[in-house]
PDB file of N, CA and C in Angstrom:
ATOM      1  N   MET A   1      25.480   0.428 -24.222  1.00  0.00           N
ATOM      2  CA  MET A   1      26.437  -0.443 -24.822  1.00  0.00           C
ATOM      3  C   MET A   1      26.651  -0.024 -26.269  1.00  0.00           C
ATOM      4  N   ARG A   2      27.738  -0.507 -26.849  1.00  0.00           N
ATOM      5  CA  ARG A   2      28.132  -0.009 -28.157  1.00  0.00           C
ATOM      6  C   ARG A   2      28.515  -1.133 -29.107  1.00  0.00           C
ATOM      7  N   GLU A   3      28.536  -0.785 -30.365  1.00  0.00           N
ATOM      8  CA  GLU A   3      28.996  -1.720 -31.397  1.00  0.00           C
ATOM      9  C   GLU A   3      30.419  -1.413 -31.833  1.00  0.00           C
ATOM     10  N   ASN A   4      30.960  -0.278 -31.391  1.00  0.00           N
ATOM     11  CA  ASN A   4      32.338   0.078 -31.711  1.00  0.00           C
ATOM     12  C   ASN A   4      32.952   0.792 -30.511  1.00  0.00           C
ATOM     13  N   THR A   5      34.252   1.040 -30.585  1.00  0.00           N
ATOM     14  CA  THR A   5      34.934   1.663 -29.464  1.00  0.00           C
ATOM     15  C   THR A   5      35.895   2.723 -29.963  1.00  0.00           C
ATOM     16  N   ASP A   6      36.127   3.730 -29.131  1.00  0.00           N
ATOM     17  CA  ASP A   6      37.137   4.719 -29.470  1.00  0.00           C
ATOM     18  C   ASP A   6      38.466   4.347 -28.814  1.00  0.00           C
ATOM     19  N   ARG A   7      38.520   3.154 -28.218  1.00  0.00           N
ATOM     20  CA  ARG A   7      39.771   2.626 -27.651  1.00  0.00           C
ATOM     21  C   ARG A   7      40.013   1.201 -28.171  1.00  0.00           C
ATOM     22  N   PRO A   8      40.258   1.067 -29.462  1.00  0.00           N
ATOM     23  CA  PRO A   8      40.460  -0.274 -30.018  1.00  0.00           C
ATOM     24  C   PRO A   8      41.678  -0.976 -29.421  1.00  0.00           C
ATOM     25  N   GLU A   9      42.673  -0.194 -28.994  1.00  0.00           N
ATOM     26  CA  GLU A   9      43.858  -0.811 -28.400  1.00  0.00           C
ATOM     27  C   GLU A   9      43.522  -1.529 -27.095  1.00  0.00           C
ATOM     28  N   ALA A  10      42.515  -1.046 -26.356  1.00  0.00           N
ATOM     29  CA  ALA A  10      42.087  -1.730 -25.129  1.00  0.00           C
ATOM     30  C   ALA A  10      41.408  -3.050 -25.463  1.00  0.00           C
ATOM     31  N   ALA A  11      40.622  -3.057 -26.510  1.00  0.00           N
ATOM     32  CA  ALA A  11      39.975  -4.302 -26.934  1.00  0.00           C
ATOM     33  C   ALA A  11      41.020  -5.297 -27.435  1.00  0.00           C
ATOM     34  N   GLU A  12      42.028  -4.808 -28.153  1.00  0.00           N
ATOM     35  CA  GLU A  12      43.091  -5.683 -28.637  1.00  0.00           C
ATOM     36  C   GLU A  12      43.902  -6.264 -27.485  1.00  0.00           C
ATOM     37  N   ALA A  13      44.079  -5.483 -26.415  1.00  0.00           N
ATOM     38  CA  ALA A  13      44.843  -5.945 -25.253  1.00  0.00           C
ATOM     39  C   ALA A  13      43.988  -6.774 -24.302  1.00  0.00           C
ATOM     40  N   CYS A  14      42.700  -6.890 -24.599  1.00  0.00           N
ATOM     41  CA  CYS A  14      41.743  -7.659 -23.782  1.00  0.00           C
ATOM     42  C   CYS A  14      41.499  -7.052 -22.399  1.00  0.00           C
ATOM     43  N   THR A  15      41.741  -5.749 -22.253  1.00  0.00           N
ATOM     44  CA  THR A  15      41.417  -5.099 -20.984  1.00  0.00           C
ATOM     45  C   THR A  15      39.968  -4.616 -20.974  1.00  0.00           C
ATOM     46  N   VAL A  16      39.352  -4.591 -22.134  1.00  0.00           N
ATOM     47  CA  VAL A  16      37.912  -4.329 -22.251  1.00  0.00           C
ATOM     48  C   VAL A  16      37.360  -5.332 -23.261  1.00  0.00           C
ATOM     49  N   LYS A  17      36.076  -5.526 -23.219  1.00  0.00           N
ATOM     50  CA  LYS A  17      35.454  -6.430 -24.187  1.00  0.00           C
ATOM     51  C   LYS A  17      34.319  -5.688 -24.869  1.00  0.00           C
ATOM     52  N   LEU A  18      34.386  -5.634 -26.171  1.00  0.00           N
ATOM     53  CA  LEU A  18      33.338  -5.022 -26.972  1.00  0.00           C
ATOM     54  C   LEU A  18      32.292  -6.093 -27.232  1.00  0.00           C
ATOM     55  N   VAL A  19      31.115  -5.923 -26.656  1.00  0.00           N
ATOM     56  CA  VAL A  19      30.102  -6.972 -26.681  1.00  0.00           C
ATOM     57  C   VAL A  19      29.113  -6.773 -27.812  1.00  0.00           C
ATOM     58  N   ASP A  20      28.475  -5.656 -27.902  1.00  0.00           N
ATOM     59  CA  ASP A  20      27.449  -5.361 -28.902  1.00  0.00           C
ATOM     60  C   ASP A  20      26.332  -4.636 -28.158  1.00  0.00           C
ATOM     61  N   THR A  21      25.247  -4.409 -28.847  1.00  0.00           N
ATOM     62  CA  THR A  21      24.092  -3.770 -28.214  1.00  0.00           C
ATOM     63  C   THR A  21      22.966  -4.754 -27.949  1.00  0.00           C
ATOM     64  N   ASP A  22      23.172  -5.996 -28.296  1.00  0.00           N
ATOM     65  CA  ASP A  22      22.157  -7.030 -28.089  1.00  0.00           C
ATOM     66  C   ASP A  22      22.046  -7.348 -26.593  1.00  0.00           C
ATOM     67  N   PRO A  23      20.879  -7.148 -25.976  1.00  0.00           N
ATOM     68  CA  PRO A  23      20.721  -7.401 -24.535  1.00  0.00           C
ATOM     69  C   PRO A  23      21.121  -8.816 -24.110  1.00  0.00           C
ATOM     70  N   ARG A  24      20.891  -9.793 -24.968  1.00  0.00           N
ATOM     71  CA  ARG A  24      21.272 -11.177 -24.611  1.00  0.00           C
ATOM     72  C   ARG A  24      22.786 -11.330 -24.546  1.00  0.00           C
ATOM     73  N   LYS A  25      23.498 -10.702 -25.459  1.00  0.00           N
ATOM     74  CA  LYS A  25      24.960 -10.764 -25.435  1.00  0.00           C
ATOM     75  C   LYS A  25      25.508 -10.029 -24.220  1.00  0.00           C
ATOM     76  N   ILE A  26      24.928  -8.885 -23.926  1.00  0.00           N
ATOM     77  CA  ILE A  26      25.368  -8.104 -22.761  1.00  0.00           C
ATOM     78  C   ILE A  26      25.153  -8.914 -21.488  1.00  0.00           C
ATOM     79  N   THR A  27      23.977  -9.493 -21.338  1.00  0.00           N
ATOM     80  CA  THR A  27      23.667 -10.298 -20.157  1.00  0.00           C
ATOM     81  C   THR A  27      24.596 -11.499 -20.064  1.00  0.00           C
ATOM     82  N   GLY A  28      24.821 -12.171 -21.170  1.00  0.00           N
ATOM     83  CA  GLY A  28      25.696 -13.339 -21.183  1.00  0.00           C
ATOM     84  C   GLY A  28      27.109 -13.007 -20.754  1.00  0.00           C
ATOM     85  N   GLU A  29      27.648 -11.902 -21.264  1.00  0.00           N
ATOM     86  CA  GLU A  29      29.009 -11.502 -20.890  1.00  0.00           C
ATOM     87  C   GLU A  29      29.074 -11.051 -19.428  1.00  0.00           C
ATOM     88  N   ALA A  30      28.035 -10.371 -18.956  1.00  0.00           N
ATOM     89  CA  ALA A  30      28.006  -9.950 -17.552  1.00  0.00           C
ATOM     90  C   ALA A  30      27.963 -11.161 -16.635  1.00  0.00           C
ATOM     91  N   VAL A  31      27.149 -12.141 -16.972  1.00  0.00           N
ATOM     92  CA  VAL A  31      27.063 -13.366 -16.170  1.00  0.00           C
ATOM     93  C   VAL A  31      28.399 -14.098 -16.193  1.00  0.00           C
ATOM     94  N   ARG A  32      29.035 -14.156 -17.350  1.00  0.00           N
ATOM     95  CA  ARG A  32      30.338 -14.816 -17.456  1.00  0.00           C
ATOM     96  C   ARG A  32      31.373 -14.135 -16.569  1.00  0.00           C
ATOM     97  N   LEU A  33      31.339 -12.810 -16.517  1.00  0.00           N
ATOM     98  CA  LEU A  33      32.288 -12.068 -15.695  1.00  0.00           C
ATOM     99  C   LEU A  33      32.026 -12.271 -14.201  1.00  0.00           C
ATOM    100  N   LEU A  34      30.790 -12.601 -13.837  1.00  0.00           N
ATOM    101  CA  LEU A  34      30.476 -12.855 -12.432  1.00  0.00           C
ATOM    102  C   LEU A  34      31.058 -14.179 -11.936  1.00  0.00           C
ATOM    103  N   ASP A  35      31.458 -15.038 -12.860  1.00  0.00           N
ATOM    104  CA  ASP A  35      32.122 -16.286 -12.483  1.00  0.00           C
ATOM    105  C   ASP A  35      33.476 -15.943 -11.876  1.00  0.00           C
ATOM    106  N   GLU A  36      33.751 -16.438 -10.689  1.00  0.00           N
ATOM    107  CA  GLU A  36      34.972 -16.069  -9.955  1.00  0.00           C
ATOM    108  C   GLU A  36      36.245 -16.369 -10.743  1.00  0.00           C
ATOM    109  N   GLN A  37      36.331 -17.538 -11.359  1.00  0.00           N
ATOM    110  CA  GLN A  37      37.534 -17.879 -12.115  1.00  0.00           C
ATOM    111  C   GLN A  37      37.732 -16.950 -13.305  1.00  0.00           C
ATOM    112  N   GLU A  38      36.641 -16.648 -14.000  1.00  0.00           N
ATOM    113  CA  GLU A  38      36.737 -15.740 -15.147  1.00  0.00           C
ATOM    114  C   GLU A  38      37.109 -14.335 -14.687  1.00  0.00           C
ATOM    115  N   TYR A  39      36.528 -13.900 -13.584  1.00  0.00           N
ATOM    116  CA  TYR A  39      36.866 -12.576 -13.052  1.00  0.00           C
ATOM    117  C   TYR A  39      38.350 -12.515 -12.697  1.00  0.00           C
ATOM    118  N   GLN A  40      38.847 -13.533 -12.000  1.00  0.00           N
ATOM    119  CA  GLN A  40      40.259 -13.564 -11.619  1.00  0.00           C
ATOM    120  C   GLN A  40      41.160 -13.552 -12.856  1.00  0.00           C
ATOM    121  N   ARG A  41      40.789 -14.296 -13.872  1.00  0.00           N
ATOM    122  CA  ARG A  41      41.593 -14.336 -15.095  1.00  0.00           C
ATOM    123  C   ARG A  41      41.647 -12.967 -15.759  1.00  0.00           C
ATOM    124  N   THR A  42      40.500 -12.349 -15.919  1.00  0.00           N
ATOM    125  CA  THR A  42      40.474 -11.061 -16.623  1.00  0.00           C
ATOM    126  C   THR A  42      41.039  -9.930 -15.771  1.00  0.00           C
ATOM    127  N   SER A  43      40.963 -10.041 -14.459  1.00  0.00           N
ATOM    128  CA  SER A  43      41.479  -8.973 -13.605  1.00  0.00           C
ATOM    129  C   SER A  43      43.004  -8.946 -13.581  1.00  0.00           C
ATOM    130  N   ARG A  44      43.647 -10.004 -14.042  1.00  0.00           N
ATOM    131  CA  ARG A  44      45.114 -10.068 -14.050  1.00  0.00           C
ATOM    132  C   ARG A  44      45.727  -9.619 -15.374  1.00  0.00           C
ATOM    133  N   ILE A  45      44.902  -9.312 -16.348  1.00  0.00           N
ATOM    134  CA  ILE A  45      45.412  -8.864 -17.640  1.00  0.00           C
ATOM    135  C   ILE A  45      46.036  -7.488 -17.467  1.00  0.00           C
ATOM    136  N   HIS A  46      47.220  -7.304 -18.036  1.00  0.00           N
ATOM    137  CA  HIS A  46      47.922  -6.020 -17.930  1.00  0.00           C
ATOM    138  C   HIS A  46      47.062  -4.901 -18.524  1.00  0.00           C
ATOM    139  N   ASN A  47      46.895  -3.840 -17.760  1.00  0.00           N
ATOM    140  CA  ASN A  47      46.120  -2.694 -18.216  1.00  0.00           C
ATOM    141  C   ASN A  47      47.083  -1.616 -18.682  1.00  0.00           C
ATOM    142  N   ARG A  48      47.076  -1.338 -19.954  1.00  0.00           N
ATOM    143  CA  ARG A  48      48.011  -0.354 -20.492  1.00  0.00           C
ATOM    144  C   ARG A  48      47.706   1.066 -20.041  1.00  0.00           C
ATOM    145  N   TYR A  49      46.582   1.277 -19.376  1.00  0.00           N
ATOM    146  CA  TYR A  49      46.223   2.608 -18.900  1.00  0.00           C
ATOM    147  C   TYR A  49      46.657   2.843 -17.460  1.00  0.00           C
ATOM    148  N   GLY A  50      47.351   1.897 -16.872  1.00  0.00           N
ATOM    149  CA  GLY A  50      47.864   2.092 -15.523  1.00  0.00           C
ATOM    150  C   GLY A  50      47.460   0.974 -14.591  1.00  0.00           C
ATOM    151  N   ASP A  51      47.913   1.093 -13.360  1.00  0.00           N
ATOM    152  CA  ASP A  51      47.677   0.045 -12.373  1.00  0.00           C
ATOM    153  C   ASP A  51      46.608   0.401 -11.353  1.00  0.00           C
ATOM    154  N   GLY A  52      45.967   1.551 -11.520  1.00  0.00           N
ATOM    155  CA  GLY A  52      44.922   1.959 -10.584  1.00  0.00           C
ATOM    156  C   GLY A  52      45.446   2.695  -9.359  1.00  0.00           C
ATOM    157  N   HIS A  53      46.721   3.027  -9.358  1.00  0.00           N
ATOM    158  CA  HIS A  53      47.311   3.684  -8.191  1.00  0.00           C
ATOM    159  C   HIS A  53      47.843   5.083  -8.507  1.00  0.00           C
ATOM    160  N   ALA A  54      47.348   5.691  -9.569  1.00  0.00           N
ATOM    161  CA  ALA A  54      47.843   7.013  -9.978  1.00  0.00           C
ATOM    162  C   ALA A  54      47.630   8.058  -8.890  1.00  0.00           C
ATOM    163  N   SER A  55      46.472   8.050  -8.248  1.00  0.00           N
ATOM    164  CA  SER A  55      46.206   9.075  -7.234  1.00  0.00           C
ATOM    165  C   SER A  55      47.150   8.943  -6.049  1.00  0.00           C
ATOM    166  N   GLU A  56      47.530   7.704  -5.702  1.00  0.00           N
ATOM    167  CA  GLU A  56      48.484   7.508  -4.612  1.00  0.00           C
ATOM    168  C   GLU A  56      49.860   8.067  -4.993  1.00  0.00           C
ATOM    169  N   CYS A  57      50.270   7.856  -6.234  1.00  0.00           N
ATOM    170  CA  CYS A  57      51.552   8.383  -6.694  1.00  0.00           C
ATOM    171  C   CYS A  57      51.545   9.911  -6.717  1.00  0.00           C
ATOM    172  N   ILE A  58      50.450  10.474  -7.182  1.00  0.00           N
ATOM    173  CA  ILE A  58      50.332  11.933  -7.235  1.00  0.00           C
ATOM    174  C   ILE A  58      50.340  12.514  -5.833  1.00  0.00           C
ATOM    175  N   THR A  59      49.588  11.894  -4.919  1.00  0.00           N
ATOM    176  CA  THR A  59      49.557  12.360  -3.527  1.00  0.00           C
ATOM    177  C   THR A  59      50.951  12.307  -2.922  1.00  0.00           C
ATOM    178  N   GLY A  60      51.659  11.215  -3.165  1.00  0.00           N
ATOM    179  CA  GLY A  60      53.018  11.089  -2.646  1.00  0.00           C
ATOM    180  C   GLY A  60      53.942  12.166  -3.181  1.00  0.00           C
ATOM    181  N   ALA A  61      53.829  12.473  -4.469  1.00  0.00           N
ATOM    182  CA  ALA A  61      54.663  13.509  -5.072  1.00  0.00           C
ATOM    183  C   ALA A  61      54.352  14.875  -4.481  1.00  0.00           C
ATOM    184  N   ILE A  62      53.073  15.156  -4.262  1.00  0.00           N
ATOM    185  CA  ILE A  62      52.681  16.437  -3.657  1.00  0.00           C
ATOM    186  C   ILE A  62      53.220  16.525  -2.233  1.00  0.00           C
ATOM    187  N   GLU A  63      53.119  15.437  -1.481  1.00  0.00           N
ATOM    188  CA  GLU A  63      53.631  15.429  -0.108  1.00  0.00           C
ATOM    189  C   GLU A  63      55.127  15.702  -0.078  1.00  0.00           C
ATOM    190  N   VAL A  64      55.874  15.039  -0.942  1.00  0.00           N
ATOM    191  CA  VAL A  64      57.320  15.242  -0.985  1.00  0.00           C
ATOM    192  C   VAL A  64      57.639  16.683  -1.362  1.00  0.00           C
ATOM    193  N   TYR A  65      56.940  17.209  -2.352  1.00  0.00           N
ATOM    194  CA  TYR A  65      57.170  18.591  -2.790  1.00  0.00           C
ATOM    195  C   TYR A  65      56.963  19.570  -1.648  1.00  0.00           C
ATOM    196  N   PHE A  66      55.819  19.464  -0.961  1.00  0.00           N
ATOM    197  CA  PHE A  66      55.532  20.410   0.105  1.00  0.00           C
ATOM    198  C   PHE A  66      56.361  20.139   1.347  1.00  0.00           C
ATOM    199  N   TRP A  67      56.754  18.891   1.569  1.00  0.00           N
ATOM    200  CA  TRP A  67      57.594  18.573   2.714  1.00  0.00           C
ATOM    201  C   TRP A  67      58.946  19.250   2.552  1.00  0.00           C
ATOM    202  N   HIS A  68      59.471  19.249   1.319  1.00  0.00           N
ATOM    203  CA  HIS A  68      60.755  19.908   1.076  1.00  0.00           C
ATOM    204  C   HIS A  68      60.637  21.422   1.188  1.00  0.00           C
ATOM    205  N   LEU A  69      59.478  21.970   0.920  1.00  0.00           N
ATOM    206  CA  LEU A  69      59.292  23.416   1.016  1.00  0.00           C
ATOM    207  C   LEU A  69      59.103  23.887   2.455  1.00  0.00           C
ATOM    208  N   SER A  70      58.606  23.011   3.302  1.00  0.00           N
ATOM    209  CA  SER A  70      58.313  23.429   4.673  1.00  0.00           C
ATOM    210  C   SER A  70      59.529  23.250   5.569  1.00  0.00           C
ATOM    211  N   SER A  71      59.536  23.966   6.648  1.00  0.00           N
ATOM    212  CA  SER A  71      60.642  23.837   7.595  1.00  0.00           C
ATOM    213  C   SER A  71      60.305  22.851   8.701  1.00  0.00           C
ATOM    214  N   CYS A  72      59.036  22.434   8.800  1.00  0.00           N
ATOM    215  CA  CYS A  72      58.667  21.469   9.831  1.00  0.00           C
ATOM    216  C   CYS A  72      58.900  20.053   9.325  1.00  0.00           C
ATOM    217  N   SER A  73      58.985  19.105  10.225  1.00  0.00           N
ATOM    218  CA  SER A  73      59.294  17.730   9.839  1.00  0.00           C
ATOM    219  C   SER A  73      58.053  16.904   9.540  1.00  0.00           C
ATOM    220  N   ALA A  74      56.862  17.434   9.830  1.00  0.00           N
ATOM    221  CA  ALA A  74      55.628  16.679   9.598  1.00  0.00           C
ATOM    222  C   ALA A  74      55.294  16.690   8.112  1.00  0.00           C
ATOM    223  N   THR A  75      54.926  15.557   7.598  1.00  0.00           N
ATOM    224  CA  THR A  75      54.482  15.489   6.212  1.00  0.00           C
ATOM    225  C   THR A  75      52.983  15.758   6.160  1.00  0.00           C
ATOM    226  N   LEU A  76      52.481  15.976   4.979  1.00  0.00           N
ATOM    227  CA  LEU A  76      51.044  16.179   4.836  1.00  0.00           C
ATOM    228  C   LEU A  76      50.268  14.964   5.315  1.00  0.00           C
ATOM    229  N   ARG A  77      50.839  13.763   5.109  1.00  0.00           N
ATOM    230  CA  ARG A  77      50.164  12.545   5.561  1.00  0.00           C
ATOM    231  C   ARG A  77      50.043  12.541   7.085  1.00  0.00           C
ATOM    232  N   ASP A  78      51.095  12.969   7.795  1.00  0.00           N
ATOM    233  CA  ASP A  78      51.042  13.037   9.263  1.00  0.00           C
ATOM    234  C   ASP A  78      49.957  14.015   9.702  1.00  0.00           C
ATOM    235  N   LEU A  79      49.899  15.158   9.044  1.00  0.00           N
ATOM    236  CA  LEU A  79      48.876  16.151   9.391  1.00  0.00           C
ATOM    237  C   LEU A  79      47.488  15.639   9.095  1.00  0.00           C
ATOM    238  N   ARG A  80      47.316  14.985   7.965  1.00  0.00           N
ATOM    239  CA  ARG A  80      46.020  14.431   7.588  1.00  0.00           C
ATOM    240  C   ARG A  80      45.578  13.361   8.591  1.00  0.00           C
ATOM    241  N   ASP A  81      46.497  12.532   9.044  1.00  0.00           N
ATOM    242  CA  ASP A  81      46.163  11.479   9.988  1.00  0.00           C
ATOM    243  C   ASP A  81      45.726  12.033  11.340  1.00  0.00           C
ATOM    244  N   GLN A  82      46.144  13.252  11.659  1.00  0.00           N
ATOM    245  CA  GLN A  82      45.771  13.862  12.931  1.00  0.00           C
ATOM    246  C   GLN A  82      44.353  14.436  12.901  1.00  0.00           C
ATOM    247  N   LEU A  83      43.821  14.648  11.724  1.00  0.00           N
ATOM    248  CA  LEU A  83      42.466  15.226  11.613  1.00  0.00           C
ATOM    249  C   LEU A  83      41.388  14.252  11.987  1.00  0.00           C
TER     250      LEU A  83
END
């Protein structure tokens, strides 16, 4: 744990919480996050670093790229599903 961050904009946006190095503070914040209502509240905060679906977007772009290059009608996803 840390007393400072190299991503202050994340702390300002409340997508991360800078707690400290004190074990009691760390434990307290971890326990608070285990509360379902608190977890739901914090999980809905807009994350300026993305929505967690970047790999799906990249995979889709690669599939479209190679699908246009190939002469067959099967996409990479169709081929992958057959494995």
